[in-house]
C-alpha cells in the first residue's frame, strides 16, 4: 500500500511541472501578441497575470497533494 502512495505522490508532482509549462505558454503567447499589436499589450497584461496565477495555484495544489501523499506513506 505504501508504494502505491509513493507512486501517487510522484504522479501528483507532475502537476507542478505542468503548471510551469502552462505559465511559460501563457507568457510566451502574451509576448507574441504584444509584439504583433503593441497598443493592445497593456490591456492584455492583466489577463496574462490572472491566467498565470490560476496555473500556479493549480501547481501549488498538486504539490500539496504530493506532499500529503508522501508524508502519509
Protein backbone atom coordinates (compact mmCIF):
# COMPACT_ATOMS: atom_id res chain seq x y z
CA UNK A 1 0.00 0.00 0.00
CA UNK A 2 2.79 2.42 0.87
CA UNK A 3 4.50 2.01 -2.50
CA UNK A 4 1.28 2.91 -4.30
CA UNK A 5 1.04 6.10 -2.23
CA UNK A 6 4.57 6.99 -3.35
CA UNK A 7 3.59 6.36 -6.97
CA UNK A 8 0.56 8.61 -6.45
CA UNK A 9 2.77 11.29 -4.93
CA UNK A 10 5.08 11.12 -7.93
CA UNK A 11 2.16 11.41 -10.32
CA UNK A 12 0.77 14.37 -8.38
CA UNK A 13 4.18 16.04 -8.53
CA UNK A 14 3.92 16.03 -12.33
CA UNK A 15 1.27 18.73 -11.89
CA UNK A 16 3.90 21.18 -10.65
CA UNK A 17 5.87 20.76 -13.86
CA UNK A 18 2.71 21.09 -15.91
CA UNK A 19 1.96 24.37 -14.13
CA UNK A 20 5.40 25.69 -15.06
CA UNK A 21 4.83 24.72 -18.68
CA UNK A 22 1.42 26.42 -18.58
CA UNK A 23 2.87 29.67 -17.25
CA UNK A 24 5.53 29.59 -19.95
CA UNK A 25 2.90 29.14 -22.64
CA UNK A 26 0.77 31.96 -21.21
CA UNK A 27 3.59 34.49 -21.16
CA UNK A 28 5.03 33.27 -24.45
CA UNK A 29 1.70 33.89 -26.15
CA UNK A 30 1.39 37.24 -24.39
CA UNK A 31 4.78 38.38 -25.69
CA UNK A 32 3.91 37.13 -29.17
CA UNK A 33 0.64 39.08 -29.12
CA UNK A 34 2.31 42.17 -27.66
CA UNK A 35 4.87 42.19 -30.45
CA UNK A 36 2.15 41.87 -33.07
CA UNK A 37 -0.08 44.57 -31.58
CA UNK A 38 1.78 46.76 -29.07
CA UNK A 39 -1.19 49.05 -28.47
CA UNK A 40 -3.25 46.18 -27.03
CA UNK A 41 -0.47 44.83 -24.79
CA UNK A 42 -1.35 46.97 -21.78
CA UNK A 43 -4.96 45.79 -21.72
CA UNK A 44 -3.99 42.12 -22.06
CA UNK A 45 -1.32 42.11 -19.34
CA UNK A 46 -3.92 41.73 -16.60
CA UNK A 47 -5.37 38.68 -18.34
CA UNK A 48 -1.90 37.14 -18.55
CA UNK A 49 -1.29 37.71 -14.84
CA UNK A 50 -4.66 36.18 -13.89
CA UNK A 51 -4.01 33.16 -16.10
CA UNK A 52 -0.55 32.67 -14.61
CA UNK A 53 -1.94 32.96 -11.08
CA UNK A 54 -4.56 30.30 -11.80
CA UNK A 55 -1.96 27.97 -13.32
CA UNK A 56 0.37 28.47 -10.37
CA UNK A 57 -2.50 27.87 -7.95
CA UNK A 58 -3.18 24.51 -9.55
CA UNK A 59 0.54 23.72 -9.43
CA UNK A 60 0.71 24.53 -5.73
CA UNK A 61 -2.38 22.39 -5.11
CA UNK A 62 -0.76 19.45 -6.95
CA UNK A 63 2.41 19.94 -4.90
CA UNK A 64 0.38 19.94 -1.68
CA UNK A 65 -1.33 16.68 -2.64
CA UNK A 66 2.04 15.13 -3.48
CA UNK A 67 3.50 16.16 -0.12
CA UNK A 68 0.45 14.85 1.76
CA UNK A 69 0.65 11.50 -0.03
CA UNK A 70 4.39 11.29 0.56
CA UNK A 71 4.10 12.03 4.28
CA UNK A 72 1.26 9.54 4.71
CA UNK A 73 3.34 6.68 3.23
